[in-house]
Amino acid sequence: MNEKRMQRISVEVMRELSDLLSRGLKDPGIHPLTSISRVEVTRDLSFANVFVSVLGNDKDKAETMDALNRAKGFMRSELGKRIKLRITPEIILHLDESIEKSMELGKFIDEVRKSDEQM
């Protein structure tokens, strides 16, 4: 499959799942600071690797991932209604901690700058 088409479909899947996450899923187990950070579809469009970012503690992350895994079937059926593809990709969820790691790195850099200024 064409690389540009795969990217377009990935972006569209990400947009629709983000909308579904913010408006369509009413599970109390999903932490309010949850977002879809990126989506990668396979060449044959049979799978969509969905990377989920949860800003919270480890318990919040685990509860959110459990709730999202329970809702995967609903998410896939809604995705099929919103995006017209021959095959609706199966959703594979991954916890993405890159945002938290970048925030920690930013805090560390700020601390180093402050300690350098004090010297």
PDB file of N, CA and C in Angstrom:
ATOM      1  N   MET A   1       0.844  -1.185   0.000  1.00  0.00           N
ATOM      2  CA  MET A   1       0.000   0.000   0.000  1.00  0.00           C
ATOM      3  C   MET A   1       0.887   1.245   0.000  1.00  0.00           C
ATOM      4  N   ASN A   2       0.402   2.261  -0.611  1.00  0.00           N
ATOM      5  CA  ASN A   2       1.090   3.539  -0.698  1.00  0.00           C
ATOM      6  C   ASN A   2       1.320   4.120   0.705  1.00  0.00           C
ATOM      7  N   GLU A   3       2.527   4.592   0.948  1.00  0.00           N
ATOM      8  CA  GLU A   3       2.895   5.138   2.267  1.00  0.00           C
ATOM      9  C   GLU A   3       2.045   6.359   2.638  1.00  0.00           C
ATOM     10  N   LYS A   4       1.778   7.220   1.659  1.00  0.00           N
ATOM     11  CA  LYS A   4       0.954   8.408   1.931  1.00  0.00           C
ATOM     12  C   LYS A   4      -0.466   8.013   2.331  1.00  0.00           C
ATOM     13  N   ARG A   5      -1.005   7.010   1.677  1.00  0.00           N
ATOM     14  CA  ARG A   5      -2.365   6.559   2.011  1.00  0.00           C
ATOM     15  C   ARG A   5      -2.395   5.976   3.422  1.00  0.00           C
ATOM     16  N   MET A   6      -1.364   5.218   3.771  1.00  0.00           N
ATOM     17  CA  MET A   6      -1.289   4.659   5.126  1.00  0.00           C
ATOM     18  C   MET A   6      -1.246   5.777   6.161  1.00  0.00           C
ATOM     19  N   GLN A   7      -0.479   6.816   5.890  1.00  0.00           N
ATOM     20  CA  GLN A   7      -0.396   7.946   6.817  1.00  0.00           C
ATOM     21  C   GLN A   7      -1.739   8.666   6.929  1.00  0.00           C
ATOM     22  N   ARG A   8      -2.412   8.866   5.796  1.00  0.00           N
ATOM     23  CA  ARG A   8      -3.729   9.515   5.817  1.00  0.00           C
ATOM     24  C   ARG A   8      -4.729   8.705   6.631  1.00  0.00           C
ATOM     25  N   ILE A   9      -4.711   7.401   6.436  1.00  0.00           N
ATOM     26  CA  ILE A   9      -5.634   6.541   7.178  1.00  0.00           C
ATOM     27  C   ILE A   9      -5.280   6.550   8.657  1.00  0.00           C
ATOM     28  N   SER A  10      -3.987   6.529   8.985  1.00  0.00           N
ATOM     29  CA  SER A  10      -3.561   6.589  10.391  1.00  0.00           C
ATOM     30  C   SER A  10      -4.047   7.872  11.051  1.00  0.00           C
ATOM     31  N   VAL A  11      -3.916   8.980  10.352  1.00  0.00           N
ATOM     32  CA  VAL A  11      -4.362  10.270  10.892  1.00  0.00           C
ATOM     33  C   VAL A  11      -5.876  10.269  11.082  1.00  0.00           C
ATOM     34  N   GLU A  12      -6.602   9.732  10.115  1.00  0.00           N
ATOM     35  CA  GLU A  12      -8.067   9.688  10.217  1.00  0.00           C
ATOM     36  C   GLU A  12      -8.512   8.774  11.365  1.00  0.00           C
ATOM     37  N   VAL A  13      -7.857   7.628  11.512  1.00  0.00           N
ATOM     38  CA  VAL A  13      -8.175   6.721  12.624  1.00  0.00           C
ATOM     39  C   VAL A  13      -7.887   7.415  13.946  1.00  0.00           C
ATOM     40  N   MET A  14      -6.763   8.112  14.026  1.00  0.00           N
ATOM     41  CA  MET A  14      -6.413   8.829  15.255  1.00  0.00           C
ATOM     42  C   MET A  14      -7.457   9.900  15.573  1.00  0.00           C
ATOM     43  N   ARG A  15      -7.877  10.647  14.574  1.00  0.00           N
ATOM     44  CA  ARG A  15      -8.870  11.707  14.769  1.00  0.00           C
ATOM     45  C   ARG A  15     -10.189  11.122  15.277  1.00  0.00           C
ATOM     46  N   GLU A  16     -10.641  10.057  14.649  1.00  0.00           N
ATOM     47  CA  GLU A  16     -11.925   9.460  15.036  1.00  0.00           C
ATOM     48  C   GLU A  16     -11.853   8.811  16.417  1.00  0.00           C
ATOM     49  N   LEU A  17     -10.756   8.129  16.722  1.00  0.00           N
ATOM     50  CA  LEU A  17     -10.629   7.513  18.048  1.00  0.00           C
ATOM     51  C   LEU A  17     -10.499   8.577  19.135  1.00  0.00           C
ATOM     52  N   SER A  18      -9.814   9.673  18.836  1.00  0.00           N
ATOM     53  CA  SER A  18      -9.701  10.769  19.803  1.00  0.00           C
ATOM     54  C   SER A  18     -11.071  11.373  20.083  1.00  0.00           C
ATOM     55  N   ASP A  19     -11.857  11.554  19.030  1.00  0.00           N
ATOM     56  CA  ASP A  19     -13.212  12.075  19.204  1.00  0.00           C
ATOM     57  C   ASP A  19     -14.065  11.094  20.009  1.00  0.00           C
ATOM     58  N   LEU A  20     -13.939   9.834  19.700  1.00  0.00           N
ATOM     59  CA  LEU A  20     -14.686   8.805  20.424  1.00  0.00           C
ATOM     60  C   LEU A  20     -14.274   8.766  21.890  1.00  0.00           C
ATOM     61  N   LEU A  21     -12.985   8.917  22.149  1.00  0.00           N
ATOM     62  CA  LEU A  21     -12.479   8.910  23.523  1.00  0.00           C
ATOM     63  C   LEU A  21     -13.030  10.091  24.315  1.00  0.00           C
ATOM     64  N   SER A  22     -13.108  11.254  23.671  1.00  0.00           N
ATOM     65  CA  SER A  22     -13.569  12.441  24.395  1.00  0.00           C
ATOM     66  C   SER A  22     -15.094  12.529  24.501  1.00  0.00           C
ATOM     67  N   ARG A  23     -15.827  11.943  23.546  1.00  0.00           N
ATOM     68  CA  ARG A  23     -17.283  12.107  23.541  1.00  0.00           C
ATOM     69  C   ARG A  23     -18.081  10.816  23.663  1.00  0.00           C
ATOM     70  N   GLY A  24     -17.541   9.719  23.149  1.00  0.00           N
ATOM     71  CA  GLY A  24     -18.350   8.515  23.031  1.00  0.00           C
ATOM     72  C   GLY A  24     -18.187   7.489  24.126  1.00  0.00           C
ATOM     73  N   LEU A  25     -17.047   7.477  24.792  1.00  0.00           N
ATOM     74  CA  LEU A  25     -16.810   6.486  25.845  1.00  0.00           C
ATOM     75  C   LEU A  25     -17.132   7.100  27.194  1.00  0.00           C
ATOM     76  N   LYS A  26     -18.031   6.486  27.902  1.00  0.00           N
ATOM     77  CA  LYS A  26     -18.479   7.028  29.191  1.00  0.00           C
ATOM     78  C   LYS A  26     -18.030   6.156  30.362  1.00  0.00           C
ATOM     79  N   ASP A  27     -16.984   5.376  30.185  1.00  0.00           N
ATOM     80  CA  ASP A  27     -16.504   4.483  31.239  1.00  0.00           C
ATOM     81  C   ASP A  27     -15.809   5.294  32.327  1.00  0.00           C
ATOM     82  N   PRO A  28     -16.236   5.167  33.587  1.00  0.00           N
ATOM     83  CA  PRO A  28     -15.585   5.923  34.671  1.00  0.00           C
ATOM     84  C   PRO A  28     -14.151   5.468  34.939  1.00  0.00           C
ATOM     85  N   GLY A  29     -13.756   4.321  34.395  1.00  0.00           N
ATOM     86  CA  GLY A  29     -12.391   3.842  34.581  1.00  0.00           C
ATOM     87  C   GLY A  29     -11.375   4.560  33.710  1.00  0.00           C
ATOM     88  N   ILE A  30     -11.856   5.339  32.754  1.00  0.00           N
ATOM     89  CA  ILE A  30     -10.943   6.065  31.861  1.00  0.00           C
ATOM     90  C   ILE A  30     -10.590   7.396  32.499  1.00  0.00           C
ATOM     91  N   HIS A  31      -9.307   7.595  32.744  1.00  0.00           N
ATOM     92  CA  HIS A  31      -8.811   8.817  33.378  1.00  0.00           C
ATOM     93  C   HIS A  31      -9.105  10.017  32.472  1.00  0.00           C
ATOM     94  N   PRO A  32      -9.486  11.163  33.052  1.00  0.00           N
ATOM     95  CA  PRO A  32      -9.828  12.337  32.225  1.00  0.00           C
ATOM     96  C   PRO A  32      -8.664  12.868  31.388  1.00  0.00           C
ATOM     97  N   LEU A  33      -7.432  12.646  31.833  1.00  0.00           N
ATOM     98  CA  LEU A  33      -6.272  13.140  31.084  1.00  0.00           C
ATOM     99  C   LEU A  33      -5.692  12.029  30.211  1.00  0.00           C
ATOM    100  N   THR A  34      -6.556  11.449  29.394  1.00  0.00           N
ATOM    101  CA  THR A  34      -6.167  10.377  28.479  1.00  0.00           C
ATOM    102  C   THR A  34      -6.286  10.891  27.057  1.00  0.00           C
ATOM    103  N   SER A  35      -5.279  10.591  26.241  1.00  0.00           N
ATOM    104  CA  SER A  35      -5.333  11.018  24.846  1.00  0.00           C
ATOM    105  C   SER A  35      -4.661   9.979  23.957  1.00  0.00           C
ATOM    106  N   ILE A  36      -4.982  10.046  22.684  1.00  0.00           N
ATOM    107  CA  ILE A  36      -4.349   9.191  21.685  1.00  0.00           C
ATOM    108  C   ILE A  36      -3.150   9.966  21.157  1.00  0.00           C
ATOM    109  N   SER A  37      -1.948   9.431  21.361  1.00  0.00           N
ATOM    110  CA  SER A  37      -0.755  10.172  20.941  1.00  0.00           C
ATOM    111  C   SER A  37      -0.362   9.881  19.497  1.00  0.00           C
ATOM    112  N   ARG A  38      -0.574   8.650  19.042  1.00  0.00           N
ATOM    113  CA  ARG A  38      -0.321   8.343  17.629  1.00  0.00           C
ATOM    114  C   ARG A  38      -0.972   7.008  17.273  1.00  0.00           C
ATOM    115  N   VAL A  39      -1.143   6.809  15.972  1.00  0.00           N
ATOM    116  CA  VAL A  39      -1.715   5.575  15.444  1.00  0.00           C
ATOM    117  C   VAL A  39      -0.875   5.143  14.256  1.00  0.00           C
ATOM    118  N   GLU A  40      -0.580   3.858  14.197  1.00  0.00           N
ATOM    119  CA  GLU A  40       0.142   3.286  13.061  1.00  0.00           C
ATOM    120  C   GLU A  40      -0.670   2.112  12.539  1.00  0.00           C
ATOM    121  N   VAL A  41      -1.093   2.181  11.279  1.00  0.00           N
ATOM    122  CA  VAL A  41      -1.828   1.063  10.686  1.00  0.00           C
ATOM    123  C   VAL A  41      -0.856   0.187   9.910  1.00  0.00           C
ATOM    124  N   THR A  42      -1.161  -1.109   9.854  1.00  0.00           N
ATOM    125  CA  THR A  42      -0.329  -2.027   9.083  1.00  0.00           C
ATOM    126  C   THR A  42      -0.635  -1.848   7.601  1.00  0.00           C
ATOM    127  N   ARG A  43       0.255  -2.347   6.760  1.00  0.00           N
ATOM    128  CA  ARG A  43       0.106  -2.174   5.310  1.00  0.00           C
ATOM    129  C   ARG A  43      -1.208  -2.736   4.772  1.00  0.00           C
ATOM    130  N   ASP A  44      -1.653  -3.853   5.339  1.00  0.00           N
ATOM    131  CA  ASP A  44      -2.897  -4.455   4.861  1.00  0.00           C
ATOM    132  C   ASP A  44      -4.131  -3.919   5.585  1.00  0.00           C
ATOM    133  N   LEU A  45      -3.943  -2.943   6.461  1.00  0.00           N
ATOM    134  CA  LEU A  45      -5.011  -2.281   7.220  1.00  0.00           C
ATOM    135  C   LEU A  45      -5.759  -3.218   8.167  1.00  0.00           C
ATOM    136  N   SER A  46      -5.164  -4.357   8.477  1.00  0.00           N
ATOM    137  CA  SER A  46      -5.859  -5.283   9.366  1.00  0.00           C
ATOM    138  C   SER A  46      -5.665  -4.928  10.834  1.00  0.00           C
ATOM    139  N   PHE A  47      -4.615  -4.178  11.150  1.00  0.00           N
ATOM    140  CA  PHE A  47      -4.350  -3.793  12.536  1.00  0.00           C
ATOM    141  C   PHE A  47      -4.029  -2.304  12.625  1.00  0.00           C
ATOM    142  N   ALA A  48      -4.450  -1.707  13.735  1.00  0.00           N
ATOM    143  CA  ALA A  48      -4.095  -0.319  14.042  1.00  0.00           C
ATOM    144  C   ALA A  48      -3.451  -0.316  15.421  1.00  0.00           C
ATOM    145  N   ASN A  49      -2.172   0.010  15.474  1.00  0.00           N
ATOM    146  CA  ASN A  49      -1.470   0.150  16.747  1.00  0.00           C
ATOM    147  C   ASN A  49      -1.765   1.545  17.272  1.00  0.00           C
ATOM    148  N   VAL A  50      -2.489   1.595  18.386  1.00  0.00           N
ATOM    149  CA  VAL A  50      -2.948   2.860  18.959  1.00  0.00           C
ATOM    150  C   VAL A  50      -2.159   3.116  20.236  1.00  0.00           C
ATOM    151  N   PHE A  51      -1.452   4.239  20.264  1.00  0.00           N
ATOM    152  CA  PHE A  51      -0.630   4.596  21.413  1.00  0.00           C
ATOM    153  C   PHE A  51      -1.399   5.602  22.263  1.00  0.00           C
ATOM    154  N   VAL A  52      -1.617   5.223  23.518  1.00  0.00           N
ATOM    155  CA  VAL A  52      -2.456   5.988  24.437  1.00  0.00           C
ATOM    156  C   VAL A  52      -1.582   6.608  25.513  1.00  0.00           C
ATOM    157  N   SER A  53      -1.769   7.899  25.741  1.00  0.00           N
ATOM    158  CA  SER A  53      -1.046   8.612  26.791  1.00  0.00           C
ATOM    159  C   SER A  53      -2.011   8.907  27.934  1.00  0.00           C
ATOM    160  N   VAL A  54      -1.593   8.545  29.149  1.00  0.00           N
ATOM    161  CA  VAL A  54      -2.406   8.793  30.339  1.00  0.00           C
ATOM    162  C   VAL A  54      -1.549   9.569  31.324  1.00  0.00           C
ATOM    163  N   LEU A  55      -1.954  10.794  31.647  1.00  0.00           N
ATOM    164  CA  LEU A  55      -1.227  11.586  32.631  1.00  0.00           C
ATOM    165  C   LEU A  55      -1.846  11.321  33.994  1.00  0.00           C
ATOM    166  N   GLY A  56      -1.186  10.482  34.752  1.00  0.00           N
ATOM    167  CA  GLY A  56      -1.679  10.098  36.065  1.00  0.00           C
ATOM    168  C   GLY A  56      -0.706   9.121  36.693  1.00  0.00           C
ATOM    169  N   ASN A  57      -1.104   8.552  37.816  1.00  0.00           N
ATOM    170  CA  ASN A  57      -0.223   7.595  38.479  1.00  0.00           C
ATOM    171  C   ASN A  57      -0.379   6.214  37.829  1.00  0.00           C
ATOM    172  N   ASP A  58       0.390   5.251  38.328  1.00  0.00           N
ATOM    173  CA  ASP A  58       0.376   3.915  37.734  1.00  0.00           C
ATOM    174  C   ASP A  58      -0.998   3.252  37.824  1.00  0.00           C
ATOM    175  N   LYS A  59      -1.712   3.504  38.916  1.00  0.00           N
ATOM    176  CA  LYS A  59      -3.052   2.928  39.081  1.00  0.00           C
ATOM    177  C   LYS A  59      -4.003   3.494  38.028  1.00  0.00           C
ATOM    178  N   ASP A  60      -3.939   4.813  37.804  1.00  0.00           N
ATOM    179  CA  ASP A  60      -4.776   5.445  36.779  1.00  0.00           C
ATOM    180  C   ASP A  60      -4.485   4.863  35.398  1.00  0.00           C
ATOM    181  N   LYS A  61      -3.202   4.664  35.116  1.00  0.00           N
ATOM    182  CA  LYS A  61      -2.809   4.114  33.818  1.00  0.00           C
ATOM    183  C   LYS A  61      -3.362   2.710  33.636  1.00  0.00           C
ATOM    184  N   ALA A  62      -3.210   1.876  34.672  1.00  0.00           N
ATOM    185  CA  ALA A  62      -3.688   0.496  34.584  1.00  0.00           C
ATOM    186  C   ALA A  62      -5.206   0.442  34.423  1.00  0.00           C
ATOM    187  N   GLU A  63      -5.923   1.235  35.211  1.00  0.00           N
ATOM    188  CA  GLU A  63      -7.387   1.258  35.115  1.00  0.00           C
ATOM    189  C   GLU A  63      -7.844   1.750  33.744  1.00  0.00           C
ATOM    190  N   THR A  64      -7.175   2.771  33.238  1.00  0.00           N
ATOM    191  CA  THR A  64      -7.544   3.316  31.934  1.00  0.00           C
ATOM    192  C   THR A  64      -7.297   2.303  30.826  1.00  0.00           C
ATOM    193  N   MET A  65      -6.142   1.647  30.860  1.00  0.00           N
ATOM    194  CA  MET A  65      -5.838   0.655  29.830  1.00  0.00           C
ATOM    195  C   MET A  65      -6.806  -0.523  29.904  1.00  0.00           C
ATOM    196  N   ASP A  66      -7.171  -0.948  31.117  1.00  0.00           N
ATOM    197  CA  ASP A  66      -8.160  -2.027  31.266  1.00  0.00           C
ATOM    198  C   ASP A  66      -9.504  -1.612  30.668  1.00  0.00           C
ATOM    199  N   ALA A  67      -9.938  -0.396  30.991  1.00  0.00           N
ATOM    200  CA  ALA A  67     -11.222   0.098  30.477  1.00  0.00           C
ATOM    201  C   ALA A  67     -11.193   0.208  28.952  1.00  0.00           C
ATOM    202  N   LEU A  68     -10.098   0.699  28.404  1.00  0.00           N
ATOM    203  CA  LEU A  68      -9.996   0.824  26.950  1.00  0.00           C
ATOM    204  C   LEU A  68      -9.951  -0.546  26.282  1.00  0.00           C
ATOM    205  N   ASN A  69      -9.266  -1.499  26.901  1.00  0.00           N
ATOM    206  CA  ASN A  69      -9.232  -2.853  26.344  1.00  0.00           C
ATOM    207  C   ASN A  69     -10.617  -3.490  26.351  1.00  0.00           C
ATOM    208  N   ARG A  70     -11.404  -3.207  27.388  1.00  0.00           N
ATOM    209  CA  ARG A  70     -12.778  -3.713  27.427  1.00  0.00           C
ATOM    210  C   ARG A  70     -13.627  -3.071  26.327  1.00  0.00           C
ATOM    211  N   ALA A  71     -13.303  -1.851  25.957  1.00  0.00           N
ATOM    212  CA  ALA A  71     -14.100  -1.103  24.973  1.00  0.00           C
ATOM    213  C   ALA A  71     -13.585  -1.251  23.542  1.00  0.00           C
ATOM    214  N   LYS A  72     -12.572  -2.081  23.321  1.00  0.00           N
ATOM    215  CA  LYS A  72     -11.986  -2.200  21.981  1.00  0.00           C
ATOM    216  C   LYS A  72     -12.999  -2.610  20.916  1.00  0.00           C
ATOM    217  N   GLY A  73     -13.878  -3.545  21.248  1.00  0.00           N
ATOM    218  CA  GLY A  73     -14.884  -3.983  20.277  1.00  0.00           C
ATOM    219  C   GLY A  73     -15.820  -2.854  19.888  1.00  0.00           C
ATOM    220  N   PHE A  74     -16.276  -2.104  20.878  1.00  0.00           N
ATOM    221  CA  PHE A  74     -17.139  -0.951  20.621  1.00  0.00           C
ATOM    222  C   PHE A  74     -16.396   0.091  19.791  1.00  0.00           C
ATOM    223  N   MET A  75     -15.137   0.345  20.149  1.00  0.00           N
ATOM    224  CA  MET A  75     -14.342   1.337  19.425  1.00  0.00           C
ATOM    225  C   MET A  75     -14.170   0.924  17.963  1.00  0.00           C
ATOM    226  N   ARG A  76     -13.922  -0.358  17.731  1.00  0.00           N
ATOM    227  CA  ARG A  76     -13.738  -0.835  16.363  1.00  0.00           C
ATOM    228  C   ARG A  76     -15.035  -0.712  15.564  1.00  0.00           C
ATOM    229  N   SER A  77     -16.164  -1.069  16.182  1.00  0.00           N
ATOM    230  CA  SER A  77     -17.433  -0.968  15.448  1.00  0.00           C
ATOM    231  C   SER A  77     -17.772   0.489  15.133  1.00  0.00           C
ATOM    232  N   GLU A  78     -17.525   1.387  16.071  1.00  0.00           N
ATOM    233  CA  GLU A  78     -17.760   2.816  15.819  1.00  0.00           C
ATOM    234  C   GLU A  78     -16.818   3.341  14.739  1.00  0.00           C
ATOM    235  N   LEU A  79     -15.576   2.880  14.770  1.00  0.00           N
ATOM    236  CA  LEU A  79     -14.608   3.285  13.755  1.00  0.00           C
ATOM    237  C   LEU A  79     -15.082   2.840  12.373  1.00  0.00           C
ATOM    238  N   GLY A  80     -15.632   1.634  12.297  1.00  0.00           N
ATOM    239  CA  GLY A  80     -16.159   1.127  11.031  1.00  0.00           C
ATOM    240  C   GLY A  80     -17.319   1.951  10.509  1.00  0.00           C
ATOM    241  N   LYS A  81     -18.120   2.513  11.400  1.00  0.00           N
ATOM    242  CA  LYS A  81     -19.238   3.363  10.984  1.00  0.00           C
ATOM    243  C   LYS A  81     -18.759   4.731  10.514  1.00  0.00           C
ATOM    244  N   ARG A  82     -17.657   5.207  11.101  1.00  0.00           N
ATOM    245  CA  ARG A  82     -17.189   6.564  10.810  1.00  0.00           C
ATOM    246  C   ARG A  82     -16.244   6.638   9.618  1.00  0.00           C
ATOM    247  N   ILE A  83     -15.470   5.579   9.404  1.00  0.00           N
ATOM    248  CA  ILE A  83     -14.501   5.559   8.304  1.00  0.00           C
ATOM    249  C   ILE A  83     -14.886   4.429   7.359  1.00  0.00           C
ATOM    250  N   LYS A  84     -15.045   4.745   6.107  1.00  0.00           N
ATOM    251  CA  LYS A  84     -15.447   3.740   5.129  1.00  0.00           C
ATOM    252  C   LYS A  84     -14.208   3.064   4.546  1.00  0.00           C
ATOM    253  N   LEU A  85     -13.883   1.909   5.104  1.00  0.00           N
ATOM    254  CA  LEU A  85     -12.790   1.084   4.605  1.00  0.00           C
ATOM    255  C   LEU A  85     -13.340  -0.314   4.350  1.00  0.00           C
ATOM    256  N   ARG A  86     -12.699  -1.037   3.455  1.00  0.00           N
ATOM    257  CA  ARG A  86     -13.123  -2.410   3.192  1.00  0.00           C
ATOM    258  C   ARG A  86     -12.970  -3.260   4.450  1.00  0.00           C
ATOM    259  N   ILE A  87     -11.871  -3.057   5.169  1.00  0.00           N
ATOM    260  CA  ILE A  87     -11.597  -3.777   6.413  1.00  0.00           C
ATOM    261  C   ILE A  87     -11.411  -2.743   7.515  1.00  0.00           C
ATOM    262  N   THR A  88     -12.138  -2.899   8.611  1.00  0.00           N
ATOM    263  CA  THR A  88     -11.913  -2.035   9.772  1.00  0.00           C
ATOM    264  C   THR A  88     -10.785  -2.654  10.580  1.00  0.00           C
ATOM    265  N   PRO A  89      -9.706  -1.914  10.804  1.00  0.00           N
ATOM    266  CA  PRO A  89      -8.559  -2.508  11.494  1.00  0.00           C
ATOM    267  C   PRO A  89      -8.871  -2.909  12.932  1.00  0.00           C
ATOM    268  N   GLU A  90      -8.266  -4.017  13.349  1.00  0.00           N
ATOM    269  CA  GLU A  90      -8.350  -4.436  14.746  1.00  0.00           C
ATOM    270  C   GLU A  90      -7.470  -3.497  15.562  1.00  0.00           C
ATOM    271  N   ILE A  91      -7.971  -3.056  16.700  1.00  0.00           N
ATOM    272  CA  ILE A  91      -7.262  -2.078  17.522  1.00  0.00           C
ATOM    273  C   ILE A  91      -6.359  -2.792  18.520  1.00  0.00           C
ATOM    274  N   ILE A  92      -5.094  -2.412  18.508  1.00  0.00           N
ATOM    275  CA  ILE A  92      -4.129  -2.919  19.479  1.00  0.00           C
ATOM    276  C   ILE A  92      -3.649  -1.713  20.280  1.00  0.00           C
ATOM    277  N   LEU A  93      -3.918  -1.725  21.576  1.00  0.00           N
ATOM    278  CA  LEU A  93      -3.595  -0.581  22.434  1.00  0.00           C
ATOM    279  C   LEU A  93      -2.220  -0.735  23.068  1.00  0.00           C
ATOM    280  N   HIS A  94      -1.487   0.376  23.109  1.00  0.00           N
ATOM    281  CA  HIS A  94      -0.174   0.434  23.751  1.00  0.00           C
ATOM    282  C   HIS A  94      -0.142   1.671  24.648  1.00  0.00           C
ATOM    283  N   LEU A  95       0.417   1.519  25.832  1.00  0.00           N
ATOM    284  CA  LEU A  95       0.587   2.666  26.724  1.00  0.00           C
ATOM    285  C   LEU A  95       1.805   3.452  26.260  1.00  0.00           C
ATOM    286  N   ASP A  96       1.619   4.735  26.006  1.00  0.00           N
ATOM    287  CA  ASP A  96       2.697   5.608  25.543  1.00  0.00           C
ATOM    288  C   ASP A  96       3.097   6.540  26.683  1.00  0.00           C
ATOM    289  N   GLU A  97       4.306   6.378  27.170  1.00  0.00           N
ATOM    290  CA  GLU A  97       4.781   7.202  28.281  1.00  0.00           C
ATOM    291  C   GLU A  97       5.752   8.282  27.824  1.00  0.00           C
ATOM    292  N   SER A  98       5.817   8.544  26.525  1.00  0.00           N
ATOM    293  CA  SER A  98       6.777   9.513  26.008  1.00  0.00           C
ATOM    294  C   SER A  98       6.484  10.932  26.490  1.00  0.00           C
ATOM    295  N   ILE A  99       5.217  11.296  26.639  1.00  0.00           N
ATOM    296  CA  ILE A  99       4.880  12.646  27.099  1.00  0.00           C
ATOM    297  C   ILE A  99       5.355  12.845  28.532  1.00  0.00           C
ATOM    298  N   GLU A 100       5.112  11.850  29.389  1.00  0.00           N
ATOM    299  CA  GLU A 100       5.570  11.958  30.778  1.00  0.00           C
ATOM    300  C   GLU A 100       7.088  12.011  30.850  1.00  0.00           C
ATOM    301  N   LYS A 101       7.745  11.201  30.029  1.00  0.00           N
ATOM    302  CA  LYS A 101       9.210  11.194  30.047  1.00  0.00           C
ATOM    303  C   LYS A 101       9.766  12.540  29.591  1.00  0.00           C
ATOM    304  N   SER A 102       9.129  13.160  28.598  1.00  0.00           N
ATOM    305  CA  SER A 102       9.600  14.470  28.143  1.00  0.00           C
ATOM    306  C   SER A 102       9.343  15.538  29.203  1.00  0.00           C
ATOM    307  N   MET A 103       8.239  15.407  29.958  1.00  0.00           N
ATOM    308  CA  MET A 103       7.973  16.356  31.046  1.00  0.00           C
ATOM    309  C   MET A 103       9.024  16.199  32.148  1.00  0.00           C
ATOM    310  N   GLU A 104       9.383  14.951  32.474  1.00  0.00           N
ATOM    311  CA  GLU A 104      10.416  14.706  33.480  1.00  0.00           C
ATOM    312  C   GLU A 104      11.753  15.277  33.023  1.00  0.00           C
ATOM    313  N   LEU A 105      12.069  15.104  31.747  1.00  0.00           N
ATOM    314  CA  LEU A 105      13.315  15.632  31.206  1.00  0.00           C
ATOM    315  C   LEU A 105      13.324  17.154  31.274  1.00  0.00           C
ATOM    316  N   GLY A 106      12.193  17.782  30.969  1.00  0.00           N
ATOM    317  CA  GLY A 106      12.088  19.240  31.068  1.00  0.00           C
ATOM    318  C   GLY A 106      12.299  19.732  32.487  1.00  0.00           C
ATOM    319  N   LYS A 107      11.720  19.028  33.465  1.00  0.00           N
ATOM    320  CA  LYS A 107      11.919  19.393  34.872  1.00  0.00           C
ATOM    321  C   LYS A 107      13.383  19.252  35.263  1.00  0.00           C
ATOM    322  N   PHE A 108      14.013  18.174  34.794  1.00  0.00           N
ATOM    323  CA  PHE A 108      15.425  17.948  35.106  1.00  0.00           C
ATOM    324  C   PHE A 108      16.288  19.067  34.527  1.00  0.00           C
ATOM    325  N   ILE A 109      16.011  19.473  33.304  1.00  0.00           N
ATOM    326  CA  ILE A 109      16.772  20.557  32.670  1.00  0.00           C
ATOM    327  C   ILE A 109      16.577  21.858  33.438  1.00  0.00           C
ATOM    328  N   ASP A 110      15.342  22.140  33.870  1.00  0.00           N
ATOM    329  CA  ASP A 110      15.078  23.344  34.665  1.00  0.00           C
ATOM    330  C   ASP A 110      15.851  23.322  35.977  1.00  0.00           C
ATOM    331  N   GLU A 111      15.910  22.159  36.630  1.00  0.00           N
ATOM    332  CA  GLU A 111      16.651  22.037  37.886  1.00  0.00           C
ATOM    333  C   GLU A 111      18.140  22.282  37.672  1.00  0.00           C
ATOM    334  N   VAL A 112      18.678  21.755  36.582  1.00  0.00           N
ATOM    335  CA  VAL A 112      20.098  21.955  36.280  1.00  0.00           C
ATOM    336  C   VAL A 112      20.369  23.430  36.011  1.00  0.00           C
ATOM    337  N   ARG A 113      19.484  24.092  35.286  1.00  0.00           N
ATOM    338  CA  ARG A 113      19.656  25.524  35.016  1.00  0.00           C
ATOM    339  C   ARG A 113      19.631  26.336  36.308  1.00  0.00           C
ATOM    340  N   LYS A 114      18.703  26.014  37.202  1.00  0.00           N
ATOM    341  CA  LYS A 114      18.616  26.733  38.475  1.00  0.00           C
ATOM    342  C   LYS A 114      19.866  26.523  39.311  1.00  0.00           C
ATOM    343  N   SER A 115      20.370  25.295  39.333  1.00  0.00           N
ATOM    344  CA  SER A 115      21.578  25.039  40.125  1.00  0.00           C
ATOM    345  C   SER A 115      22.790  25.733  39.507  1.00  0.00           C
ATOM    346  N   ASP A 116      22.831  25.842  38.174  1.00  0.00           N
ATOM    347  CA  ASP A 116      23.927  26.558  37.519  1.00  0.00           C
ATOM    348  C   ASP A 116      23.857  28.056  37.810  1.00  0.00           C
ATOM    349  N   GLU A 117      22.641  28.607  37.877  1.00  0.00           N
ATOM    350  CA  GLU A 117      22.477  30.029  38.162  1.00  0.00           C
ATOM    351  C   GLU A 117      22.892  30.359  39.590  1.00  0.00           C
ATOM    352  N   GLN A 118      22.703  29.433  40.498  1.00  0.00           N
ATOM    353  CA  GLN A 118      23.047  29.664  41.897  1.00  0.00           C
ATOM    354  C   GLN A 118      24.552  29.606  42.131  1.00  0.00           C
ATOM    355  N   MET A 119      25.286  29.017  41.235  1.00  0.00           N
ATOM    356  CA  MET A 119      26.739  28.891  41.408  1.00  0.00           C
ATOM    357  C   MET A 119      27.453  30.135  41.053  1.00  0.00           C
TER     358      MET A 119
END
